[in-house]
Amino acid sequence: MRAGFVVFLMASLAPGADLPIGKPLTLAEPTPLSQIAARPEKYAGQIVQVTGRVTEVCEMMGCWMNLVDTANQSIRIKVDDGEMVFPKTAVGKTAIAEGKLTRLQLTRDQAIARARHEAEEQGRKFNSDSIKSGATLYQIQGSGAVIRQ
């Protein structure tokens, strides 16, 4: 049993091997980000699979990653702290992620608090005057992902 685990661990860390995170992916095909962006209300509450290049990962806890596709559409994959950890080394790599598309309706104060928190996590400067109103955001509550190596 122990030898099997070691072989599995070595295979999962081998150069070029995919890095699975969280639960296994269940959907056969990804939904293009452009389709989700065009009609997010159609997909809200549904399990979706998306693919794209990882542009950013939470520096503090690895609790979110942003993906962008070839048409420059982007989406955030968010997980509860400690549930899964997206590695910082994923930036620049292709990822396939799956989870429930959720809608966040933020007041201006909530949008400021969210942006301030993210700026602190990422070590960026923040000016609350840059946020003029509330916002409606869509993100994926991630259940699983694969980082292509």
N, C-alpha and C. Protein backbone atom coordinates (compact mmCIF):
# COMPACT_ATOMS: atom_id res chain seq x y z
N MET A 1 0.84 -1.19 0.00
CA MET A 1 0.00 0.00 0.00
C MET A 1 0.87 1.25 0.00
N ARG A 2 1.88 1.27 0.87
CA ARG A 2 2.75 2.44 0.97
C ARG A 2 3.50 2.66 -0.33
N ALA A 3 3.98 1.60 -0.97
CA ALA A 3 4.71 1.74 -2.23
C ALA A 3 3.79 2.30 -3.31
N GLY A 4 2.51 1.88 -3.33
CA GLY A 4 1.56 2.41 -4.29
C GLY A 4 1.35 3.90 -4.11
N PHE A 5 1.28 4.35 -2.85
CA PHE A 5 1.11 5.77 -2.57
C PHE A 5 2.31 6.56 -3.05
N VAL A 6 3.51 6.03 -2.82
CA VAL A 6 4.74 6.71 -3.24
C VAL A 6 4.77 6.83 -4.76
N VAL A 7 4.40 5.75 -5.45
CA VAL A 7 4.38 5.79 -6.92
C VAL A 7 3.36 6.83 -7.38
N PHE A 8 2.16 6.85 -6.78
CA PHE A 8 1.14 7.84 -7.13
C PHE A 8 1.66 9.25 -6.89
N LEU A 9 2.27 9.48 -5.73
CA LEU A 9 2.78 10.80 -5.39
C LEU A 9 3.85 11.23 -6.38
N MET A 10 4.77 10.33 -6.72
CA MET A 10 5.83 10.66 -7.67
C MET A 10 5.24 10.97 -9.04
N ALA A 11 4.23 10.20 -9.46
CA ALA A 11 3.61 10.44 -10.77
C ALA A 11 2.91 11.79 -10.79
N SER A 12 2.27 12.16 -9.67
CA SER A 12 1.54 13.43 -9.64
C SER A 12 2.48 14.63 -9.59
N LEU A 13 3.72 14.41 -9.21
CA LEU A 13 4.67 15.51 -9.14
C LEU A 13 5.62 15.53 -10.33
N ALA A 14 5.48 14.56 -11.23
CA ALA A 14 6.37 14.46 -12.38
C ALA A 14 6.18 15.67 -13.29
N PRO A 15 7.28 16.13 -13.91
CA PRO A 15 7.14 17.25 -14.85
C PRO A 15 6.16 16.89 -15.96
N GLY A 16 5.30 17.82 -16.29
CA GLY A 16 4.33 17.61 -17.34
C GLY A 16 3.05 16.94 -16.87
N ALA A 17 3.01 16.46 -15.63
CA ALA A 17 1.81 15.82 -15.12
C ALA A 17 0.78 16.88 -14.72
N ASP A 18 -0.49 16.59 -14.96
CA ASP A 18 -1.55 17.49 -14.53
C ASP A 18 -1.65 17.46 -13.01
N LEU A 19 -2.04 18.59 -12.42
CA LEU A 19 -2.20 18.70 -10.98
C LEU A 19 -3.69 18.79 -10.65
N PRO A 20 -4.30 17.69 -10.18
CA PRO A 20 -5.71 17.76 -9.78
C PRO A 20 -5.84 18.42 -8.40
N ILE A 21 -6.88 19.24 -8.25
CA ILE A 21 -7.14 19.94 -6.99
C ILE A 21 -8.61 19.75 -6.65
N GLY A 22 -8.90 19.34 -5.43
CA GLY A 22 -10.29 19.17 -5.01
C GLY A 22 -10.91 17.92 -5.58
N LYS A 23 -12.20 17.99 -5.82
CA LYS A 23 -12.96 16.84 -6.33
C LYS A 23 -12.67 16.63 -7.81
N PRO A 24 -12.81 15.39 -8.28
CA PRO A 24 -12.63 15.13 -9.72
C PRO A 24 -13.66 15.90 -10.54
N LEU A 25 -13.26 16.29 -11.74
CA LEU A 25 -14.17 16.97 -12.66
C LEU A 25 -15.23 15.99 -13.13
N THR A 26 -16.47 16.47 -13.27
CA THR A 26 -17.58 15.58 -13.63
C THR A 26 -18.19 15.89 -14.99
N LEU A 27 -18.05 17.09 -15.49
CA LEU A 27 -18.65 17.46 -16.77
C LEU A 27 -17.72 17.09 -17.91
N ALA A 28 -18.30 16.72 -19.04
CA ALA A 28 -17.52 16.25 -20.18
C ALA A 28 -16.82 17.39 -20.92
N GLU A 29 -17.46 18.55 -20.98
CA GLU A 29 -16.94 19.66 -21.78
C GLU A 29 -17.05 20.98 -21.03
N PRO A 30 -16.08 21.88 -21.24
CA PRO A 30 -16.21 23.21 -20.63
C PRO A 30 -17.21 24.08 -21.39
N THR A 31 -17.79 25.03 -20.67
CA THR A 31 -18.63 26.05 -21.27
C THR A 31 -17.74 27.25 -21.58
N PRO A 32 -17.74 27.76 -22.80
CA PRO A 32 -16.91 28.92 -23.11
C PRO A 32 -17.25 30.11 -22.20
N LEU A 33 -16.23 30.79 -21.72
CA LEU A 33 -16.44 31.95 -20.85
C LEU A 33 -17.28 33.02 -21.55
N SER A 34 -17.15 33.13 -22.86
CA SER A 34 -17.94 34.14 -23.58
C SER A 34 -19.44 33.84 -23.48
N GLN A 35 -19.82 32.56 -23.45
CA GLN A 35 -21.23 32.21 -23.29
C GLN A 35 -21.72 32.57 -21.90
N ILE A 36 -20.90 32.30 -20.90
CA ILE A 36 -21.28 32.63 -19.52
C ILE A 36 -21.38 34.14 -19.36
N ALA A 37 -20.41 34.88 -19.91
CA ALA A 37 -20.41 36.34 -19.78
C ALA A 37 -21.60 36.96 -20.51
N ALA A 38 -22.02 36.38 -21.62
CA ALA A 38 -23.13 36.93 -22.40
C ALA A 38 -24.46 36.75 -21.69
N ARG A 39 -24.65 35.66 -20.96
CA ARG A 39 -25.92 35.38 -20.28
C ARG A 39 -25.66 34.71 -18.93
N PRO A 40 -25.02 35.41 -18.01
CA PRO A 40 -24.68 34.77 -16.74
C PRO A 40 -25.88 34.29 -15.95
N GLU A 41 -27.01 34.99 -16.08
CA GLU A 41 -28.21 34.58 -15.35
C GLU A 41 -28.69 33.19 -15.78
N LYS A 42 -28.41 32.81 -17.02
CA LYS A 42 -28.78 31.48 -17.53
C LYS A 42 -28.01 30.38 -16.79
N TYR A 43 -26.78 30.67 -16.40
CA TYR A 43 -25.92 29.66 -15.78
C TYR A 43 -25.87 29.76 -14.26
N ALA A 44 -26.36 30.87 -13.70
CA ALA A 44 -26.31 31.05 -12.25
C ALA A 44 -27.02 29.89 -11.54
N GLY A 45 -26.35 29.36 -10.53
CA GLY A 45 -26.90 28.24 -9.78
C GLY A 45 -26.59 26.89 -10.38
N GLN A 46 -25.99 26.86 -11.56
CA GLN A 46 -25.67 25.61 -12.23
C GLN A 46 -24.19 25.27 -12.07
N ILE A 47 -23.90 23.97 -12.16
CA ILE A 47 -22.52 23.52 -12.19
C ILE A 47 -21.99 23.76 -13.61
N VAL A 48 -20.87 24.43 -13.71
CA VAL A 48 -20.24 24.69 -15.01
C VAL A 48 -18.78 24.29 -14.94
N GLN A 49 -18.23 24.02 -16.09
CA GLN A 49 -16.80 23.76 -16.22
C GLN A 49 -16.25 24.81 -17.17
N VAL A 50 -15.11 25.40 -16.81
CA VAL A 50 -14.48 26.42 -17.64
C VAL A 50 -13.00 26.11 -17.78
N THR A 51 -12.41 26.68 -18.79
CA THR A 51 -10.97 26.52 -18.98
C THR A 51 -10.37 27.86 -19.37
N GLY A 52 -9.14 28.08 -18.98
CA GLY A 52 -8.45 29.32 -19.32
C GLY A 52 -7.06 29.36 -18.71
N ARG A 53 -6.37 30.44 -18.99
CA ARG A 53 -5.03 30.65 -18.43
C ARG A 53 -5.19 31.32 -17.07
N VAL A 54 -4.45 30.82 -16.09
CA VAL A 54 -4.49 31.38 -14.75
C VAL A 54 -3.71 32.70 -14.77
N THR A 55 -4.39 33.79 -14.41
CA THR A 55 -3.74 35.10 -14.43
C THR A 55 -3.35 35.58 -13.03
N GLU A 56 -4.02 35.04 -12.01
CA GLU A 56 -3.75 35.50 -10.65
C GLU A 56 -4.27 34.45 -9.68
N VAL A 57 -3.56 34.31 -8.56
CA VAL A 57 -3.95 33.40 -7.48
C VAL A 57 -3.85 34.17 -6.18
N CYS A 58 -4.77 33.91 -5.26
CA CYS A 58 -4.73 34.55 -3.94
C CYS A 58 -3.37 34.28 -3.30
N GLU A 59 -2.69 35.35 -2.94
CA GLU A 59 -1.35 35.25 -2.35
C GLU A 59 -1.37 34.75 -0.92
N MET A 60 -2.47 34.96 -0.22
CA MET A 60 -2.52 34.62 1.21
C MET A 60 -2.87 33.16 1.45
N MET A 61 -3.98 32.71 0.90
CA MET A 61 -4.51 31.38 1.22
C MET A 61 -4.68 30.48 0.01
N GLY A 62 -4.46 31.00 -1.19
CA GLY A 62 -4.71 30.19 -2.38
C GLY A 62 -6.17 29.86 -2.55
N CYS A 63 -7.05 30.74 -2.03
CA CYS A 63 -8.50 30.45 -1.99
C CYS A 63 -9.24 30.90 -3.24
N TRP A 64 -8.56 31.50 -4.19
CA TRP A 64 -9.18 31.85 -5.46
C TRP A 64 -8.12 31.94 -6.55
N MET A 65 -8.59 31.78 -7.77
CA MET A 65 -7.73 32.02 -8.94
C MET A 65 -8.60 32.63 -10.02
N ASN A 66 -7.99 33.48 -10.81
CA ASN A 66 -8.67 34.11 -11.94
C ASN A 66 -8.21 33.42 -13.21
N LEU A 67 -9.17 33.12 -14.09
CA LEU A 67 -8.88 32.52 -15.39
C LEU A 67 -9.29 33.50 -16.48
N VAL A 68 -8.56 33.48 -17.58
CA VAL A 68 -8.90 34.27 -18.76
C VAL A 68 -8.79 33.36 -19.97
N ASP A 69 -9.72 33.53 -20.92
CA ASP A 69 -9.68 32.70 -22.12
C ASP A 69 -9.05 33.48 -23.27
N THR A 70 -9.01 32.88 -24.45
CA THR A 70 -8.36 33.51 -25.60
C THR A 70 -9.10 34.75 -26.09
N ALA A 71 -10.39 34.89 -25.74
CA ALA A 71 -11.17 36.08 -26.12
C ALA A 71 -11.09 37.16 -25.04
N ASN A 72 -10.22 36.95 -24.04
CA ASN A 72 -9.98 37.88 -22.94
C ASN A 72 -11.17 37.99 -21.97
N GLN A 73 -12.03 36.98 -21.94
CA GLN A 73 -13.09 36.89 -20.93
C GLN A 73 -12.47 36.28 -19.68
N SER A 74 -12.87 36.79 -18.52
CA SER A 74 -12.26 36.26 -17.29
C SER A 74 -13.34 35.88 -16.28
N ILE A 75 -12.93 35.02 -15.35
CA ILE A 75 -13.81 34.60 -14.27
C ILE A 75 -12.95 34.20 -13.08
N ARG A 76 -13.53 34.36 -11.90
CA ARG A 76 -12.84 33.96 -10.66
C ARG A 76 -13.41 32.63 -10.19
N ILE A 77 -12.51 31.76 -9.79
CA ILE A 77 -12.86 30.50 -9.15
C ILE A 77 -12.55 30.69 -7.68
N LYS A 78 -13.56 30.61 -6.81
CA LYS A 78 -13.41 30.88 -5.38
C LYS A 78 -13.76 29.63 -4.59
N VAL A 79 -12.98 29.37 -3.55
CA VAL A 79 -13.27 28.26 -2.64
C VAL A 79 -13.20 28.78 -1.21
N ASP A 80 -13.83 28.08 -0.30
CA ASP A 80 -13.72 28.44 1.11
C ASP A 80 -12.28 28.21 1.56
N ASP A 81 -11.78 29.09 2.43
CA ASP A 81 -10.41 28.98 2.91
C ASP A 81 -10.14 27.58 3.44
N GLY A 82 -9.06 26.96 2.95
CA GLY A 82 -8.64 25.65 3.42
C GLY A 82 -9.33 24.48 2.73
N GLU A 83 -10.41 24.75 2.00
CA GLU A 83 -11.13 23.67 1.32
C GLU A 83 -10.27 23.07 0.21
N MET A 84 -9.69 23.93 -0.60
CA MET A 84 -8.73 23.57 -1.64
C MET A 84 -7.73 24.73 -1.66
N VAL A 85 -6.56 24.47 -2.18
CA VAL A 85 -5.56 25.53 -2.28
C VAL A 85 -5.04 25.56 -3.71
N PHE A 86 -5.24 26.70 -4.36
CA PHE A 86 -4.68 26.89 -5.70
C PHE A 86 -3.23 27.36 -5.53
N PRO A 87 -2.28 26.65 -6.15
CA PRO A 87 -0.88 27.02 -5.97
C PRO A 87 -0.51 28.29 -6.73
N LYS A 88 0.34 29.09 -6.13
CA LYS A 88 0.79 30.33 -6.78
C LYS A 88 1.52 30.02 -8.08
N THR A 89 2.11 28.82 -8.17
CA THR A 89 2.84 28.43 -9.37
C THR A 89 1.92 28.16 -10.56
N ALA A 90 0.60 28.21 -10.33
CA ALA A 90 -0.35 27.99 -11.43
C ALA A 90 -0.43 29.18 -12.37
N VAL A 91 0.00 30.35 -11.93
CA VAL A 91 -0.08 31.55 -12.78
C VAL A 91 0.66 31.29 -14.10
N GLY A 92 -0.03 31.58 -15.20
CA GLY A 92 0.54 31.39 -16.52
C GLY A 92 0.21 30.03 -17.13
N LYS A 93 -0.30 29.12 -16.33
CA LYS A 93 -0.64 27.78 -16.81
C LYS A 93 -2.13 27.71 -17.15
N THR A 94 -2.50 26.69 -17.88
CA THR A 94 -3.89 26.46 -18.22
C THR A 94 -4.55 25.67 -17.11
N ALA A 95 -5.77 26.04 -16.77
CA ALA A 95 -6.53 25.34 -15.76
C ALA A 95 -7.92 25.02 -16.29
N ILE A 96 -8.45 23.90 -15.84
CA ILE A 96 -9.84 23.54 -16.06
C ILE A 96 -10.45 23.53 -14.67
N ALA A 97 -11.54 24.24 -14.49
CA ALA A 97 -12.17 24.33 -13.17
C ALA A 97 -13.66 24.07 -13.28
N GLU A 98 -14.21 23.55 -12.19
CA GLU A 98 -15.61 23.21 -12.17
C GLU A 98 -16.23 23.65 -10.86
N GLY A 99 -17.49 24.04 -10.90
CA GLY A 99 -18.21 24.43 -9.70
C GLY A 99 -19.49 25.15 -10.06
N LYS A 100 -20.16 25.66 -9.04
CA LYS A 100 -21.44 26.34 -9.23
C LYS A 100 -21.22 27.83 -9.51
N LEU A 101 -21.83 28.32 -10.58
CA LEU A 101 -21.76 29.75 -10.87
C LEU A 101 -22.66 30.48 -9.90
N THR A 102 -22.10 31.43 -9.18
CA THR A 102 -22.86 32.17 -8.18
C THR A 102 -22.89 33.65 -8.54
N ARG A 103 -23.97 34.30 -8.13
CA ARG A 103 -24.17 35.73 -8.35
C ARG A 103 -23.98 36.45 -7.03
N LEU A 104 -23.14 37.47 -7.02
CA LEU A 104 -22.92 38.29 -5.84
C LEU A 104 -23.43 39.69 -6.12
N GLN A 105 -24.39 40.14 -5.35
CA GLN A 105 -24.91 41.50 -5.48
C GLN A 105 -24.30 42.31 -4.33
N LEU A 106 -23.41 43.24 -4.64
CA LEU A 106 -22.70 44.01 -3.62
C LEU A 106 -23.16 45.46 -3.59
N THR A 107 -23.34 45.98 -2.38
CA THR A 107 -23.54 47.42 -2.22
C THR A 107 -22.19 48.10 -2.45
N ARG A 108 -22.18 49.41 -2.51
CA ARG A 108 -20.91 50.12 -2.66
C ARG A 108 -19.99 49.80 -1.49
N ASP A 109 -20.51 49.81 -0.27
CA ASP A 109 -19.68 49.51 0.90
C ASP A 109 -19.12 48.09 0.83
N GLN A 110 -19.92 47.14 0.40
CA GLN A 110 -19.44 45.77 0.27
C GLN A 110 -18.39 45.65 -0.83
N ALA A 111 -18.60 46.37 -1.93
CA ALA A 111 -17.62 46.35 -3.02
C ALA A 111 -16.30 46.95 -2.57
N ILE A 112 -16.36 48.02 -1.78
CA ILE A 112 -15.14 48.63 -1.25
C ILE A 112 -14.42 47.65 -0.32
N ALA A 113 -15.18 47.03 0.59
CA ALA A 113 -14.57 46.08 1.54
C ALA A 113 -13.93 44.91 0.80
N ARG A 114 -14.60 44.42 -0.22
CA ARG A 114 -14.06 43.29 -0.99
C ARG A 114 -12.78 43.70 -1.72
N ALA A 115 -12.80 44.85 -2.36
CA ALA A 115 -11.63 45.32 -3.10
C ALA A 115 -10.47 45.64 -2.15
N ARG A 116 -10.77 46.21 -1.00
CA ARG A 116 -9.73 46.51 -0.01
C ARG A 116 -9.07 45.22 0.48
N HIS A 117 -9.90 44.23 0.79
CA HIS A 117 -9.38 42.93 1.26
C HIS A 117 -8.48 42.29 0.20
N GLU A 118 -8.93 42.31 -1.04
CA GLU A 118 -8.13 41.72 -2.12
C GLU A 118 -6.81 42.48 -2.31
N ALA A 119 -6.86 43.79 -2.23
CA ALA A 119 -5.63 44.58 -2.37
C ALA A 119 -4.64 44.24 -1.25
N GLU A 120 -5.14 44.09 -0.03
CA GLU A 120 -4.27 43.70 1.08
C GLU A 120 -3.66 42.33 0.84
N GLU A 121 -4.48 41.37 0.38
CA GLU A 121 -3.99 40.02 0.10
C GLU A 121 -2.90 40.01 -0.97
N GLN A 122 -3.09 40.84 -1.98
CA GLN A 122 -2.18 40.83 -3.12
C GLN A 122 -1.06 41.87 -2.99
N GLY A 123 -1.05 42.63 -1.90
CA GLY A 123 0.00 43.61 -1.69
C GLY A 123 -0.08 44.80 -2.64
N ARG A 124 -1.30 45.19 -3.01
CA ARG A 124 -1.50 46.32 -3.92
C ARG A 124 -2.07 47.51 -3.15
N LYS A 125 -1.86 48.68 -3.71
CA LYS A 125 -2.45 49.88 -3.14
C LYS A 125 -3.93 49.91 -3.48
N PHE A 126 -4.71 50.59 -2.64
CA PHE A 126 -6.15 50.66 -2.87
C PHE A 126 -6.66 52.04 -2.53
N ASN A 127 -7.55 52.54 -3.39
CA ASN A 127 -8.19 53.84 -3.19
C ASN A 127 -9.70 53.62 -3.28
N SER A 128 -10.40 53.78 -2.16
CA SER A 128 -11.84 53.53 -2.13
C SER A 128 -12.62 54.47 -3.06
N ASP A 129 -12.04 55.63 -3.40
CA ASP A 129 -12.71 56.56 -4.31
C ASP A 129 -12.85 55.98 -5.72
N SER A 130 -12.07 54.93 -6.02
CA SER A 130 -12.14 54.32 -7.34
C SER A 130 -13.42 53.50 -7.53
N ILE A 131 -14.12 53.21 -6.44
CA ILE A 131 -15.37 52.44 -6.51
C ILE A 131 -16.53 53.41 -6.34
N LYS A 132 -17.29 53.59 -7.38
CA LYS A 132 -18.35 54.60 -7.41
C LYS A 132 -19.72 54.06 -7.00
N SER A 133 -19.92 52.73 -7.15
CA SER A 133 -21.25 52.16 -6.85
C SER A 133 -21.11 50.70 -6.49
N GLY A 134 -22.23 50.07 -6.21
CA GLY A 134 -22.26 48.64 -5.96
C GLY A 134 -21.96 47.88 -7.24
N ALA A 135 -21.98 46.57 -7.14
CA ALA A 135 -21.65 45.76 -8.31
C ALA A 135 -22.35 44.42 -8.24
N THR A 136 -22.60 43.87 -9.42
CA THR A 136 -23.06 42.49 -9.53
C THR A 136 -21.92 41.69 -10.13
N LEU A 137 -21.48 40.68 -9.40
CA LEU A 137 -20.36 39.86 -9.83
C LEU A 137 -20.82 38.42 -9.97
N TYR A 138 -20.23 37.72 -10.91
CA TYR A 138 -20.45 36.28 -11.05
C TYR A 138 -19.11 35.60 -10.87
N GLN A 139 -19.10 34.55 -10.09
CA GLN A 139 -17.89 33.76 -9.90
C GLN A 139 -18.29 32.31 -9.73
N ILE A 140 -17.32 31.43 -9.82
CA ILE A 140 -17.58 30.01 -9.65
C ILE A 140 -17.16 29.59 -8.26
N GLN A 141 -18.08 28.99 -7.53
CA GLN A 141 -17.76 28.38 -6.23
C GLN A 141 -17.16 27.02 -6.58
N GLY A 142 -15.83 26.97 -6.57
CA GLY A 142 -15.11 25.82 -7.09
C GLY A 142 -15.29 24.54 -6.29
N SER A 143 -15.39 23.43 -7.02
CA SER A 143 -15.43 22.11 -6.39
C SER A 143 -14.21 21.29 -6.79
N GLY A 144 -13.66 21.56 -7.96
CA GLY A 144 -12.49 20.84 -8.42
C GLY A 144 -11.83 21.57 -9.56
N ALA A 145 -10.56 21.26 -9.78
CA ALA A 145 -9.81 21.88 -10.86
C ALA A 145 -8.65 20.97 -11.26
N VAL A 146 -8.14 21.21 -12.43
CA VAL A 146 -6.92 20.55 -12.91
C VAL A 146 -6.03 21.64 -13.48
N ILE A 147 -4.81 21.70 -12.99
CA ILE A 147 -3.81 22.63 -13.52
C ILE A 147 -2.97 21.84 -14.49
N ARG A 148 -2.93 22.29 -15.74
CA ARG A 148 -2.13 21.63 -16.77
C ARG A 148 -0.67 22.06 -16.59
N GLN A 149 0.22 21.11 -16.51
CA GLN A 149 1.63 21.42 -16.29
C GLN A 149 2.35 21.57 -17.58
